[in-house]
Amino acid sequence: MSETVLSIRNLSISFKTSNGMVNAIRGVDLDLHKGETVAIVGESGSGKSVTVKAIMRILSSNQRINSGSITFNYERDGKRVSQDLLKLSKKEMRNRINGKRIAMVFQDPMTSLNPTMTIGHQIMEGMIIHLKKSRSEAYERALELLTLVGITAPEKRMKCYPHQLSGGMRQRVVIAIMLACNPEVLICDEPTTALDVTIQAKILELIKDIQAKTNISVIYITHDLGVVAKVADYVAVMYAGKIVERGSVNEIFYDPKHPYTWGLLSSMPDIGSENEKLYTIPGSPPNLLNKVVGDAFAPRNVHALNIDFKQEPPMFKVSDTHYAATWLLHDNAPRVEMSDTLRKRIDKVVKEVGSEWMQPHSYK
């Protein structure tokens, strides 16, 4: 396993509202290794975006970090430095980390770009400020970046304003800006949501190509399991502010252990399925204004045990890379398997893609 670049431990975040404190993140642990892509998946409101925005220290006025650490291992002055990002001031984050060493691509490229500034100016700005490049050096590097992200006639595009570009081109420009200072970590918060499906595929391939060339570490936030299958090395499944299962992409897709993960996979549309009815997970996520007792997924879990309503499950080890927080993995629990429908779907996928996909994942 390669070097750990980012390590989140016991992260807890609350929001102050007129109805009380919402415990949005309830003890998240996550590791990101060099050159690796981690995808965080889950329903809307599960805490995916809040978790990664905490890495960048993008906090709203009513948001409070209760506990935890976010340790970033990066290179500074030729040496590897370990820093808890939660202990840095906002000014230190802006000057030393954000954009320079950790960059973030948001959902809507139009809101990420300044409509009053040319594309060239926006790409060059970070290099001039963080890397102390001259305008001519920054200009040449900006042309290289536009070419890297697949934009033709870069000299012409440098003079354009955001509204003169299509949605796909704007997202490519955002990626170019994020790569301008050679960051070690790229966070993609549903970067293809606002784009049509043909452009989505191109953006995903673009990010994969850039990662292969630069060995950058990537965190994907998405609710689209199809995207996860295309880009991820490792997957973390979030529910109600906690990671309930984590493992390699093969383990999560072909050998899931948590009932919530079963539900997510079962609810994916399948063109070749004989069943016309699309599966939905029963019930709704818990109201995090209230204290969660036991397993937060228990009220929606048809396989819930009595202990699920009383005590929160720990992370049970399935393999060296696969863990799941469900009492069904306890030695004394009854044997419960995923539904026949999901099992048949997984078997069908394995048969189509070949048995090599079931081999243990090897990190870069």
Protein backbone atom coordinates (compact mmCIF):
# COMPACT_ATOMS: atom_id res chain seq x y z
CA MET A 1 0.00 0.00 0.00
CA SER A 2 1.36 3.41 -0.97
CA GLU A 3 1.90 6.43 1.26
CA THR A 4 -1.09 7.91 3.09
CA VAL A 5 -1.65 11.47 1.85
CA LEU A 6 -4.79 12.34 3.82
CA SER A 7 -6.14 10.76 7.00
CA ILE A 8 -9.46 11.70 8.65
CA ARG A 9 -10.07 10.43 12.18
CA ASN A 10 -13.22 10.67 14.32
CA LEU A 11 -14.52 13.76 12.50
CA SER A 12 -17.69 15.14 14.09
CA ILE A 13 -19.56 18.19 12.72
CA SER A 14 -22.79 19.86 13.84
CA PHE A 15 -25.00 22.64 12.46
CA LYS A 16 -26.80 25.08 14.69
CA THR A 17 -30.41 25.55 13.52
CA SER A 18 -33.53 27.18 14.92
CA ASN A 19 -34.72 23.69 15.94
CA GLY A 20 -31.48 22.67 17.63
CA MET A 21 -28.12 21.12 16.76
CA VAL A 22 -28.04 18.83 13.74
CA ASN A 23 -25.30 16.20 14.19
CA ALA A 24 -24.47 15.95 10.48
CA ILE A 25 -21.14 14.08 10.75
CA ARG A 26 -20.89 11.52 13.54
CA GLY A 27 -17.33 10.20 13.62
CA VAL A 28 -15.91 9.72 10.12
CA ASP A 29 -12.65 7.82 9.52
CA LEU A 30 -11.15 7.88 6.02
CA ASP A 31 -7.73 7.38 4.41
CA LEU A 32 -6.49 8.50 1.00
CA HIS A 33 -3.27 7.11 -0.46
CA LYS A 34 -0.90 8.47 -3.08
CA GLY A 35 -2.24 8.11 -6.61
CA GLU A 36 -5.49 6.55 -5.37
CA THR A 37 -9.11 7.43 -6.11
CA VAL A 38 -11.57 7.15 -3.22
CA ALA A 39 -15.28 7.54 -3.94
CA ILE A 40 -17.67 8.53 -1.16
CA VAL A 41 -21.21 7.42 -1.96
CA GLY A 42 -24.59 7.64 -0.28
CA GLU A 43 -28.01 9.27 -0.43
CA SER A 44 -28.43 13.04 -0.44
CA GLY A 45 -27.94 14.34 3.09
CA SER A 46 -25.66 11.51 4.19
CA GLY A 47 -22.77 13.93 4.83
CA LYS A 48 -20.56 13.41 1.78
CA SER A 49 -20.06 17.05 0.80
CA VAL A 50 -19.87 18.30 4.40
CA THR A 51 -17.02 15.87 5.05
CA VAL A 52 -14.86 16.97 2.10
CA LYS A 53 -15.62 20.66 2.56
CA ALA A 54 -14.22 20.29 6.09
CA ILE A 55 -10.93 19.22 4.47
CA MET A 56 -10.86 22.56 2.64
CA ARG A 57 -12.19 24.33 5.76
CA ILE A 58 -15.19 25.56 3.79
CA LEU A 59 -17.51 26.08 6.74
CA SER A 60 -20.84 27.87 6.99
CA SER A 61 -21.46 30.38 9.79
CA ASN A 62 -23.68 27.94 11.73
CA GLN A 63 -21.30 25.00 11.36
CA ARG A 64 -19.14 23.67 14.18
CA ILE A 65 -16.41 21.02 14.17
CA ASN A 66 -16.84 19.16 17.44
CA SER A 67 -13.91 16.77 17.32
CA GLY A 68 -11.52 14.88 15.11
CA SER A 69 -8.43 15.46 13.00
CA ILE A 70 -7.65 15.79 9.29
CA THR A 71 -3.96 14.96 8.82
CA PHE A 72 -2.43 16.01 5.51
CA ASN A 73 1.02 14.70 4.54
CA TYR A 74 2.57 16.90 1.87
CA GLU A 75 5.87 18.17 0.54
CA ARG A 76 7.18 21.55 1.71
CA ASP A 77 10.69 22.87 1.07
CA GLY A 78 11.81 19.44 -0.10
CA LYS A 79 10.58 17.63 3.02
CA ARG A 80 7.44 15.64 3.83
CA VAL A 81 5.34 17.51 6.40
CA SER A 82 2.42 16.18 8.46
CA GLN A 83 -0.19 18.79 9.39
CA ASP A 84 -3.60 18.63 11.08
CA LEU A 85 -5.64 20.92 8.83
CA LEU A 86 -8.18 21.63 11.59
CA LYS A 87 -5.46 23.41 13.57
CA LEU A 88 -4.63 25.85 10.79
CA SER A 89 -6.22 29.30 10.64
CA LYS A 90 -8.33 30.28 7.64
CA LYS A 91 -5.50 32.52 6.43
CA GLU A 92 -2.96 29.68 6.68
CA MET A 93 -5.34 27.39 4.79
CA ARG A 94 -5.72 29.96 1.99
CA ASN A 95 -2.01 30.67 1.73
CA ARG A 96 -0.55 27.18 2.19
CA ILE A 97 -3.17 24.55 1.33
CA ASN A 98 -6.26 25.58 -0.65
CA GLY A 99 -5.66 25.60 -4.39
CA LYS A 100 -1.94 25.07 -3.91
CA ARG A 101 -1.86 21.57 -2.39
CA ILE A 102 -5.54 20.56 -2.20
CA ALA A 103 -7.93 21.64 -4.95
CA MET A 104 -11.67 21.14 -5.33
CA VAL A 105 -13.94 20.85 -8.37
CA PHE A 106 -17.58 21.70 -7.59
CA GLN A 107 -20.85 20.57 -9.21
CA ASP A 108 -21.69 23.66 -11.24
CA PRO A 109 -18.78 25.12 -13.24
CA MET A 110 -20.62 28.41 -13.79
CA THR A 111 -20.64 29.21 -10.08
CA SER A 112 -16.96 28.24 -9.80
CA LEU A 113 -15.81 30.78 -12.39
CA ASN A 114 -15.78 34.57 -12.11
CA PRO A 115 -18.04 35.90 -14.90
CA THR A 116 -16.16 39.21 -14.99
CA MET A 117 -12.70 37.73 -15.61
CA THR A 118 -11.26 36.04 -18.69
CA ILE A 119 -10.45 32.34 -18.61
CA GLY A 120 -6.74 33.07 -18.97
CA HIS A 121 -6.72 35.47 -16.03
CA GLN A 122 -8.45 32.94 -13.78
CA ILE A 123 -6.03 30.13 -14.65
CA MET A 124 -2.96 32.34 -14.25
CA GLU A 125 -4.02 33.99 -10.98
CA GLY A 126 -3.23 31.04 -8.67
CA MET A 127 0.19 30.43 -10.25
CA ILE A 128 1.17 34.07 -9.84
CA ILE A 129 0.03 34.17 -6.20
CA HIS A 130 1.06 30.71 -4.92
CA LEU A 131 3.98 29.75 -7.17
CA LYS A 132 5.34 33.30 -7.69
CA LYS A 133 5.48 32.81 -11.46
CA SER A 134 5.88 35.76 -13.80
CA ARG A 135 2.93 36.60 -16.05
CA SER A 136 4.70 35.18 -19.11
CA GLU A 137 5.50 31.91 -17.28
CA ALA A 138 1.93 31.67 -15.99
CA TYR A 139 0.59 32.33 -19.49
CA GLU A 140 2.64 29.53 -21.03
CA ARG A 141 1.63 27.13 -18.27
CA ALA A 142 -2.03 28.10 -18.72
CA LEU A 143 -1.82 27.20 -22.42
CA GLU A 144 -0.33 23.82 -21.47
CA LEU A 145 -3.14 23.19 -18.97
CA LEU A 146 -5.87 24.06 -21.46
CA THR A 147 -4.31 21.65 -23.91
CA LEU A 148 -4.04 18.99 -21.17
CA VAL A 149 -7.77 19.22 -20.40
CA GLY A 150 -8.64 18.89 -24.07
CA ILE A 151 -9.53 22.45 -25.07
CA THR A 152 -8.60 23.31 -28.64
CA ALA A 153 -7.25 26.71 -29.73
CA PRO A 154 -6.07 27.55 -26.18
CA GLU A 155 -4.77 31.01 -27.16
CA LYS A 156 -8.26 31.97 -28.30
CA ARG A 157 -9.96 30.49 -25.22
CA MET A 158 -7.63 32.40 -22.88
CA LYS A 159 -9.38 35.59 -23.99
CA CYS A 160 -12.92 34.21 -23.53
CA TYR A 161 -15.27 34.86 -20.62
CA PRO A 162 -17.10 31.92 -18.96
CA HIS A 163 -20.45 32.68 -20.62
CA GLN A 164 -18.82 32.22 -24.03
CA LEU A 165 -18.05 28.55 -23.31
CA SER A 166 -20.28 25.47 -23.13
CA GLY A 167 -20.90 23.69 -19.82
CA GLY A 168 -18.42 20.94 -20.65
CA MET A 169 -15.72 23.44 -21.62
CA ARG A 170 -16.31 25.46 -18.45
CA GLN A 171 -15.84 22.33 -16.34
CA ARG A 172 -12.60 21.59 -18.21
CA VAL A 173 -11.44 25.14 -17.43
CA VAL A 174 -12.28 24.61 -13.74
CA ILE A 175 -10.17 21.44 -13.76
CA ALA A 176 -7.32 23.35 -15.44
CA ILE A 177 -7.50 26.01 -12.69
CA MET A 178 -7.46 23.31 -10.00
CA LEU A 179 -4.36 21.70 -11.55
CA ALA A 180 -2.50 24.98 -12.06
CA CYS A 181 -0.52 24.79 -8.81
CA ASN A 182 0.20 21.04 -9.04
CA PRO A 183 -1.89 19.97 -6.02
CA GLU A 184 -1.36 16.59 -4.37
CA VAL A 185 -5.09 16.04 -3.73
CA LEU A 186 -8.03 16.79 -6.03
CA ILE A 187 -11.55 16.71 -4.55
CA CYS A 188 -14.37 16.30 -7.07
CA ASP A 189 -17.81 17.07 -5.60
CA GLU A 190 -20.17 15.56 -8.18
CA PRO A 191 -18.25 17.26 -11.01
CA THR A 192 -20.51 15.94 -13.80
CA THR A 193 -23.97 16.49 -12.28
CA ALA A 194 -24.76 19.62 -14.32
CA LEU A 195 -23.52 18.11 -17.61
CA ASP A 196 -25.21 15.89 -20.19
CA VAL A 197 -24.22 12.21 -20.27
CA THR A 198 -21.87 12.40 -23.27
CA ILE A 199 -19.88 15.24 -21.66
CA GLN A 200 -19.94 13.42 -18.30
CA ALA A 201 -18.07 10.47 -19.78
CA LYS A 202 -15.45 12.76 -21.32
CA ILE A 203 -14.88 14.63 -18.04
CA LEU A 204 -14.48 11.35 -16.13
CA GLU A 205 -11.97 10.07 -18.68
CA LEU A 206 -10.16 13.40 -18.55
CA ILE A 207 -9.71 13.22 -14.77
CA LYS A 208 -8.52 9.59 -15.02
CA ASP A 209 -5.99 10.53 -17.71
CA ILE A 210 -4.68 13.46 -15.67
CA GLN A 211 -4.37 11.25 -12.60
CA ALA A 212 -2.37 8.69 -14.58
CA LYS A 213 0.02 11.41 -15.77
CA THR A 214 0.43 13.28 -12.47
CA ASN A 215 -0.16 10.54 -9.82
CA ILE A 216 -2.49 12.92 -8.02
CA SER A 217 -4.80 11.53 -5.30
CA VAL A 218 -8.52 12.01 -5.95
CA ILE A 219 -11.64 12.02 -3.76
CA TYR A 220 -14.94 11.67 -5.62
CA ILE A 221 -18.27 12.64 -4.08
CA THR A 222 -21.19 11.11 -5.93
CA HIS A 223 -24.52 9.34 -5.61
CA ASP A 224 -24.06 7.75 -9.04
CA LEU A 225 -22.72 4.21 -8.61
CA GLY A 226 -22.07 4.04 -12.35
CA VAL A 227 -19.49 6.81 -11.93
CA VAL A 228 -17.96 4.95 -8.99
CA ALA A 229 -17.50 1.80 -11.06
CA LYS A 230 -15.64 3.80 -13.73
CA VAL A 231 -13.27 5.84 -11.58
CA ALA A 232 -12.78 4.47 -8.05
CA ASP A 233 -10.08 2.29 -6.52
CA TYR A 234 -11.66 2.39 -3.10
CA VAL A 235 -15.22 3.14 -1.94
CA ALA A 236 -16.63 4.54 1.30
CA VAL A 237 -20.40 4.17 1.77
CA MET A 238 -21.92 6.90 3.99
CA TYR A 239 -25.21 6.85 5.83
CA ALA A 240 -26.52 9.38 8.36
CA GLY A 241 -23.15 11.04 8.89
CA LYS A 242 -21.05 7.86 9.25
CA ILE A 243 -19.14 5.55 6.95
CA VAL A 244 -20.94 2.21 7.23
CA GLU A 245 -18.86 0.21 4.76
CA ARG A 246 -15.54 0.70 3.03
CA GLY A 247 -13.50 -1.46 0.72
CA SER A 248 -12.00 -1.77 -2.74
CA VAL A 249 -14.37 -1.10 -5.63
CA ASN A 250 -14.47 -4.84 -6.37
CA GLU A 251 -15.36 -5.71 -2.78
CA ILE A 252 -18.14 -3.12 -2.55
CA PHE A 253 -19.69 -3.99 -5.92
CA TYR A 254 -19.25 -7.77 -5.91
CA ASP A 255 -19.18 -8.73 -2.22
CA PRO A 256 -21.06 -6.02 -0.25
CA LYS A 257 -21.79 -6.80 3.40
CA HIS A 258 -23.90 -3.92 4.74
CA PRO A 259 -27.69 -4.01 4.11
CA TYR A 260 -27.58 -0.33 3.13
CA THR A 261 -25.00 -1.10 0.42
CA TRP A 262 -27.26 -3.94 -0.75
CA GLY A 263 -30.09 -1.42 -1.04
CA LEU A 264 -28.00 1.08 -3.01
CA LEU A 265 -26.84 -1.56 -5.48
CA SER A 266 -30.34 -3.04 -5.81
CA SER A 267 -31.80 0.38 -6.64
CA MET A 268 -29.50 0.86 -9.64
CA PRO A 269 -31.40 0.68 -12.96
CA ASP A 270 -30.47 -2.43 -14.94
CA ILE A 271 -31.31 -2.60 -18.64
CA GLY A 272 -31.02 -6.37 -18.75
CA SER A 273 -33.14 -7.01 -15.65
CA GLU A 274 -36.26 -9.15 -15.99
CA ASN A 275 -37.88 -7.31 -13.08
CA GLU A 276 -39.64 -4.17 -14.33
CA LYS A 277 -40.03 -2.69 -10.85
CA LEU A 278 -37.08 -0.67 -9.55
CA TYR A 279 -36.14 -1.46 -5.95
CA THR A 280 -36.29 1.37 -3.39
CA ILE A 281 -34.95 1.36 0.15
CA PRO A 282 -37.95 1.57 2.50
CA GLY A 283 -38.43 4.49 4.89
CA SER A 284 -36.39 7.68 5.20
CA PRO A 285 -33.02 8.64 6.70
CA PRO A 286 -33.14 9.56 10.41
CA ASN A 287 -33.62 13.11 11.65
CA LEU A 288 -30.15 14.00 12.93
CA LEU A 289 -31.65 16.64 15.23
CA ASN A 290 -32.32 13.65 17.46
CA LYS A 291 -29.69 11.44 19.07
CA VAL A 292 -29.21 8.24 17.10
CA VAL A 293 -29.54 5.15 19.28
CA GLY A 294 -28.08 1.93 17.91
CA ASP A 295 -27.66 1.49 14.17
CA ALA A 296 -29.02 4.52 12.29
CA PHE A 297 -30.11 2.25 9.42
CA ALA A 298 -32.03 -0.17 11.67
CA PRO A 299 -35.55 1.29 11.08
CA ARG A 300 -35.10 0.80 7.31
CA ASN A 301 -33.32 -2.55 7.54
CA VAL A 302 -35.55 -5.59 6.97
CA HIS A 303 -32.77 -7.74 8.45
CA ALA A 304 -32.37 -5.64 11.62
CA LEU A 305 -31.61 -7.49 14.85
CA ASN A 306 -32.75 -6.48 18.34
CA ILE A 307 -29.27 -5.20 19.16
CA ASP A 308 -29.44 -2.81 16.16
CA PHE A 309 -31.98 -0.68 18.06
CA LYS A 310 -29.87 -0.57 21.22
CA GLN A 311 -26.18 -0.48 20.37
CA GLU A 312 -24.21 1.00 17.49
CA PRO A 313 -22.24 -1.67 15.58
CA PRO A 314 -18.45 -1.40 15.33
CA MET A 315 -16.56 -1.80 12.07
CA PHE A 316 -16.17 -5.54 11.48
CA LYS A 317 -13.19 -6.67 9.42
CA VAL A 318 -14.08 -8.65 6.30
CA SER A 319 -10.60 -8.49 4.71
CA ASP A 320 -7.50 -6.32 5.03
CA THR A 321 -9.22 -3.66 2.87
CA HIS A 322 -12.90 -4.38 3.55
CA TYR A 323 -14.85 -3.30 6.67
CA ALA A 324 -18.55 -2.95 7.43
CA ALA A 325 -20.48 -1.63 10.44
CA THR A 326 -23.30 -4.16 10.76
CA TRP A 327 -24.17 -6.59 13.55
CA LEU A 328 -24.91 -9.17 10.85
CA LEU A 329 -21.14 -9.79 10.71
CA HIS A 330 -20.95 -10.72 14.39
CA ASP A 331 -20.10 -14.36 15.07
CA ASN A 332 -23.37 -14.85 16.98
CA ALA A 333 -25.60 -13.21 14.35
CA PRO A 334 -27.93 -15.31 12.20
CA ARG A 335 -26.72 -15.94 8.67
CA VAL A 336 -28.32 -13.35 6.37
CA GLU A 337 -27.47 -12.97 2.71
CA MET A 338 -28.29 -10.32 0.12
CA SER A 339 -31.47 -10.73 -1.93
CA ASP A 340 -31.58 -13.26 -4.76
CA THR A 341 -32.24 -10.39 -7.19
CA LEU A 342 -29.03 -8.57 -6.20
CA ARG A 343 -27.04 -11.80 -6.11
CA LYS A 344 -28.16 -12.66 -9.64
CA ARG A 345 -27.31 -9.14 -10.81
CA ILE A 346 -23.80 -9.34 -9.33
CA ASP A 347 -23.25 -12.82 -10.77
CA LYS A 348 -24.33 -11.53 -14.15
CA VAL A 349 -21.87 -8.61 -13.99
CA VAL A 350 -19.02 -10.87 -12.86
CA LYS A 351 -19.74 -13.23 -15.76
CA GLU A 352 -19.74 -10.33 -18.24
CA VAL A 353 -16.56 -8.58 -17.06
CA GLY A 354 -14.56 -11.68 -16.18
CA SER A 355 -13.24 -13.24 -13.00
CA GLU A 356 -10.16 -11.01 -12.90
CA TRP A 357 -12.34 -8.22 -11.47
CA MET A 358 -12.89 -10.36 -8.39
CA GLN A 359 -9.21 -10.48 -7.55
CA PRO A 360 -8.03 -8.51 -4.48
CA HIS A 361 -7.42 -4.87 -5.29
CA SER A 362 -3.81 -3.76 -5.53
CA TYR A 363 -3.03 -0.14 -4.80
CA LYS A 364 -0.90 1.98 -7.05
